[in-house]
Amino acid sequence: MTAAVFHEDGGVLAIKRRDDGRWVPPGGVVELDESPEEAVVREVLEETGVMIKPEVLTGVYKNMVLGVVSLTFRCHVIGGAPRPSDEAVESVWLTLDEVRDRMPEARGIRVLDALRTDGPFVRIHDGTSLI
């Protein structure tokens, strides 16, 4: 699951991962007993301290190297404030230009796709770049 979380001022929620130092949208794995929407809410809260509400599925992204498929939901904030966590060295609001500059293409495209109205999109990547 990936959450493309937009603040009312236009900011995009992002984390700097503790394990590899990459800037990415928050997200994670769906547990056996939860829906994709429940998973994205839980993961964002765990990683960032921000409470969200999923709005719509905006894309399906497959890492062709690892065989992992991730769903992305456009979400809006309902409470909380960004903070570091066990998985995130930093959790902040980025501008769209910062998303383009800091995130690997395979992650940033999820945010950019979530802003569009002609999806959902289906894309493949190698973990860093679109294929």
C-alpha atoms as a PDB file:
ATOM      1  CA  MET A   1       0.000   0.000   0.000  1.00  0.00           C
ATOM      2  CA  THR A   2       1.072   3.525  -0.734  1.00  0.00           C
ATOM      3  CA  ALA A   3      -0.644   6.679   0.488  1.00  0.00           C
ATOM      4  CA  ALA A   4      -0.559   9.838  -1.597  1.00  0.00           C
ATOM      5  CA  VAL A   5      -1.552  12.186   1.234  1.00  0.00           C
ATOM      6  CA  PHE A   6      -2.314  15.785   0.366  1.00  0.00           C
ATOM      7  CA  HIS A   7      -2.572  18.611   2.878  1.00  0.00           C
ATOM      8  CA  GLU A   8      -5.103  21.377   2.282  1.00  0.00           C
ATOM      9  CA  ASP A   9      -2.210  23.764   1.546  1.00  0.00           C
ATOM     10  CA  GLY A  10      -0.973  21.485  -1.264  1.00  0.00           C
ATOM     11  CA  GLY A  11       1.804  19.735   0.652  1.00  0.00           C
ATOM     12  CA  VAL A  12       2.519  16.031   0.074  1.00  0.00           C
ATOM     13  CA  LEU A  13       3.299  13.761   3.030  1.00  0.00           C
ATOM     14  CA  ALA A  14       6.676  12.038   2.666  1.00  0.00           C
ATOM     15  CA  ILE A  15       9.079  10.047   4.780  1.00  0.00           C
ATOM     16  CA  LYS A  16      12.833   9.622   4.621  1.00  0.00           C
ATOM     17  CA  ARG A  17      13.215   5.882   5.129  1.00  0.00           C
ATOM     18  CA  ARG A  18      15.455   4.759   7.980  1.00  0.00           C
ATOM     19  CA  ASP A  19      16.716   1.671   6.090  1.00  0.00           C
ATOM     20  CA  ASP A  20      17.851   3.202   2.776  1.00  0.00           C
ATOM     21  CA  GLY A  21      17.557   6.990   3.196  1.00  0.00           C
ATOM     22  CA  ARG A  22      15.152   7.364   0.264  1.00  0.00           C
ATOM     23  CA  TRP A  23      12.308   9.872   0.267  1.00  0.00           C
ATOM     24  CA  VAL A  24       9.013   8.069  -0.433  1.00  0.00           C
ATOM     25  CA  PRO A  25       5.298   8.365   0.243  1.00  0.00           C
ATOM     26  CA  PRO A  26       4.294   6.414   3.363  1.00  0.00           C
ATOM     27  CA  GLY A  27       2.932   2.904   3.044  1.00  0.00           C
ATOM     28  CA  GLY A  28       3.474  -0.754   3.746  1.00  0.00           C
ATOM     29  CA  VAL A  29       2.042  -4.258   3.722  1.00  0.00           C
ATOM     30  CA  VAL A  30      -1.590  -5.310   4.144  1.00  0.00           C
ATOM     31  CA  GLU A  31      -2.026  -7.583   7.140  1.00  0.00           C
ATOM     32  CA  LEU A  32      -4.105 -10.764   6.764  1.00  0.00           C
ATOM     33  CA  ASP A  33      -7.063  -9.413   8.743  1.00  0.00           C
ATOM     34  CA  GLU A  34      -7.386  -5.951   7.169  1.00  0.00           C
ATOM     35  CA  SER A  35      -8.619  -4.342   3.975  1.00  0.00           C
ATOM     36  CA  PRO A  36      -6.293  -2.310   1.735  1.00  0.00           C
ATOM     37  CA  GLU A  37      -7.927   0.895   2.995  1.00  0.00           C
ATOM     38  CA  GLU A  38      -7.439  -0.130   6.632  1.00  0.00           C
ATOM     39  CA  ALA A  39      -3.805  -0.984   5.891  1.00  0.00           C
ATOM     40  CA  VAL A  40      -3.028   2.381   4.343  1.00  0.00           C
ATOM     41  CA  VAL A  41      -4.597   4.200   7.324  1.00  0.00           C
ATOM     42  CA  ARG A  42      -2.598   2.092   9.808  1.00  0.00           C
ATOM     43  CA  GLU A  43       0.697   2.372   7.927  1.00  0.00           C
ATOM     44  CA  VAL A  44       0.503   6.154   7.574  1.00  0.00           C
ATOM     45  CA  LEU A  45      -0.282   6.579  11.273  1.00  0.00           C
ATOM     46  CA  GLU A  46       2.560   4.220  12.296  1.00  0.00           C
ATOM     47  CA  GLU A  47       5.122   5.826  10.004  1.00  0.00           C
ATOM     48  CA  THR A  48       4.177   9.495  10.335  1.00  0.00           C
ATOM     49  CA  GLY A  49       1.727  10.179  13.181  1.00  0.00           C
ATOM     50  CA  VAL A  50      -0.749  11.579  10.640  1.00  0.00           C
ATOM     51  CA  MET A  51      -4.341  10.288  10.567  1.00  0.00           C
ATOM     52  CA  ILE A  52      -5.790  10.000   7.069  1.00  0.00           C
ATOM     53  CA  LYS A  53      -8.900   9.034   5.167  1.00  0.00           C
ATOM     54  CA  PRO A  54      -8.440   7.202   1.847  1.00  0.00           C
ATOM     55  CA  GLU A  55     -10.475   8.717  -0.990  1.00  0.00           C
ATOM     56  CA  VAL A  56      -9.853   6.675  -4.128  1.00  0.00           C
ATOM     57  CA  LEU A  57      -7.534   4.072  -5.644  1.00  0.00           C
ATOM     58  CA  THR A  58      -5.280   5.942  -8.089  1.00  0.00           C
ATOM     59  CA  GLY A  59      -2.824   3.300  -9.263  1.00  0.00           C
ATOM     60  CA  VAL A  60      -1.337  -0.175  -9.243  1.00  0.00           C
ATOM     61  CA  TYR A  61       2.476  -0.401  -9.357  1.00  0.00           C
ATOM     62  CA  LYS A  62       4.546  -3.566  -9.794  1.00  0.00           C
ATOM     63  CA  ASN A  63       8.214  -3.855  -8.917  1.00  0.00           C
ATOM     64  CA  MET A  64       9.370  -6.259 -11.642  1.00  0.00           C
ATOM     65  CA  VAL A  65      12.581  -7.112  -9.760  1.00  0.00           C
ATOM     66  CA  LEU A  66      10.935  -8.094  -6.468  1.00  0.00           C
ATOM     67  CA  GLY A  67       7.536  -9.147  -7.820  1.00  0.00           C
ATOM     68  CA  VAL A  68       5.770  -6.814  -5.367  1.00  0.00           C
ATOM     69  CA  VAL A  69       2.511  -5.096  -6.300  1.00  0.00           C
ATOM     70  CA  SER A  70       1.480  -1.901  -4.491  1.00  0.00           C
ATOM     71  CA  LEU A  71      -1.861  -0.114  -4.594  1.00  0.00           C
ATOM     72  CA  THR A  72      -1.868   3.668  -4.189  1.00  0.00           C
ATOM     73  CA  PHE A  73      -4.710   5.613  -2.616  1.00  0.00           C
ATOM     74  CA  ARG A  74      -5.210   9.379  -2.726  1.00  0.00           C
ATOM     75  CA  CYS A  75      -5.864  10.432   0.870  1.00  0.00           C
ATOM     76  CA  HIS A  76      -6.617  13.523   2.890  1.00  0.00           C
ATOM     77  CA  VAL A  77      -5.575  14.445   6.422  1.00  0.00           C
ATOM     78  CA  ILE A  78      -7.995  14.188   9.326  1.00  0.00           C
ATOM     79  CA  GLY A  79      -5.552  14.781  12.200  1.00  0.00           C
ATOM     80  CA  GLY A  80      -2.080  14.501  13.657  1.00  0.00           C
ATOM     81  CA  ALA A  81       1.230  15.992  12.617  1.00  0.00           C
ATOM     82  CA  PRO A  82       4.288  14.498  10.906  1.00  0.00           C
ATOM     83  CA  ARG A  83       6.946  13.046  13.200  1.00  0.00           C
ATOM     84  CA  PRO A  84       9.815  10.546  12.941  1.00  0.00           C
ATOM     85  CA  SER A  85       9.140   6.868  13.635  1.00  0.00           C
ATOM     86  CA  ASP A  86      10.864   3.489  13.740  1.00  0.00           C
ATOM     87  CA  GLU A  87      10.702   3.399   9.924  1.00  0.00           C
ATOM     88  CA  ALA A  88      11.167   7.104   9.131  1.00  0.00           C
ATOM     89  CA  VAL A  89      14.125   9.300  10.046  1.00  0.00           C
ATOM     90  CA  GLU A  90      11.981  12.243   8.938  1.00  0.00           C
ATOM     91  CA  SER A  91       8.322  12.746   8.129  1.00  0.00           C
ATOM     92  CA  VAL A  92       7.466  16.047   6.427  1.00  0.00           C
ATOM     93  CA  TRP A  93       5.256  17.910   3.965  1.00  0.00           C
ATOM     94  CA  LEU A  94       6.988  18.329   0.597  1.00  0.00           C
ATOM     95  CA  THR A  95       6.052  20.530  -2.330  1.00  0.00           C
ATOM     96  CA  LEU A  96       5.405  18.870  -5.689  1.00  0.00           C
ATOM     97  CA  ASP A  97       8.773  20.171  -6.916  1.00  0.00           C
ATOM     98  CA  GLU A  98      10.459  18.534  -3.912  1.00  0.00           C
ATOM     99  CA  VAL A  99       8.613  15.263  -4.667  1.00  0.00           C
ATOM    100  CA  ARG A 100      10.010  15.368  -8.227  1.00  0.00           C
ATOM    101  CA  ASP A 101      13.526  16.204  -6.984  1.00  0.00           C
ATOM    102  CA  ARG A 102      13.826  13.899  -3.963  1.00  0.00           C
ATOM    103  CA  MET A 103      11.780  10.770  -4.660  1.00  0.00           C
ATOM    104  CA  PRO A 104      12.875   7.979  -6.990  1.00  0.00           C
ATOM    105  CA  GLU A 105      10.777   8.076 -10.161  1.00  0.00           C
ATOM    106  CA  ALA A 106       8.989   4.821  -9.233  1.00  0.00           C
ATOM    107  CA  ARG A 107       7.738   6.430  -6.000  1.00  0.00           C
ATOM    108  CA  GLY A 108       7.169  10.017  -7.095  1.00  0.00           C
ATOM    109  CA  ILE A 109       4.957   8.935  -9.985  1.00  0.00           C
ATOM    110  CA  ARG A 110       2.481   7.534  -7.451  1.00  0.00           C
ATOM    111  CA  VAL A 111       2.005  11.008  -5.988  1.00  0.00           C
ATOM    112  CA  LEU A 112       1.792  12.658  -9.413  1.00  0.00           C
ATOM    113  CA  ASP A 113      -0.675  10.026 -10.671  1.00  0.00           C
ATOM    114  CA  ALA A 114      -2.857  10.613  -7.592  1.00  0.00           C
ATOM    115  CA  LEU A 115      -3.340  14.226  -8.675  1.00  0.00           C
ATOM    116  CA  ARG A 116      -4.738  13.189 -12.042  1.00  0.00           C
ATOM    117  CA  THR A 117      -8.365  12.374 -12.816  1.00  0.00           C
ATOM    118  CA  ASP A 118      -7.789   9.978 -15.748  1.00  0.00           C
ATOM    119  CA  GLY A 119      -6.642   6.973 -13.685  1.00  0.00           C
ATOM    120  CA  PRO A 120      -6.278   4.582 -12.052  1.00  0.00           C
ATOM    121  CA  PHE A 121      -2.905   3.856 -13.608  1.00  0.00           C
ATOM    122  CA  VAL A 122      -1.075   0.553 -13.963  1.00  0.00           C
ATOM    123  CA  ARG A 123       2.712   0.930 -14.109  1.00  0.00           C
ATOM    124  CA  ILE A 124       5.787  -1.267 -13.810  1.00  0.00           C
ATOM    125  CA  HIS A 125       9.189  -0.329 -12.426  1.00  0.00           C
ATOM    126  CA  ASP A 126      12.511  -1.742 -11.272  1.00  0.00           C
ATOM    127  CA  GLY A 127      12.401  -0.285  -7.762  1.00  0.00           C
ATOM    128  CA  THR A 128      13.792   3.067  -8.858  1.00  0.00           C
ATOM    129  CA  SER A 129      12.731   3.890 -12.420  1.00  0.00           C
ATOM    130  CA  LEU A 130       9.660   3.224 -14.521  1.00  0.00           C
ATOM    131  CA  ILE A 131      10.075   0.593 -17.221  1.00  0.00           C
END
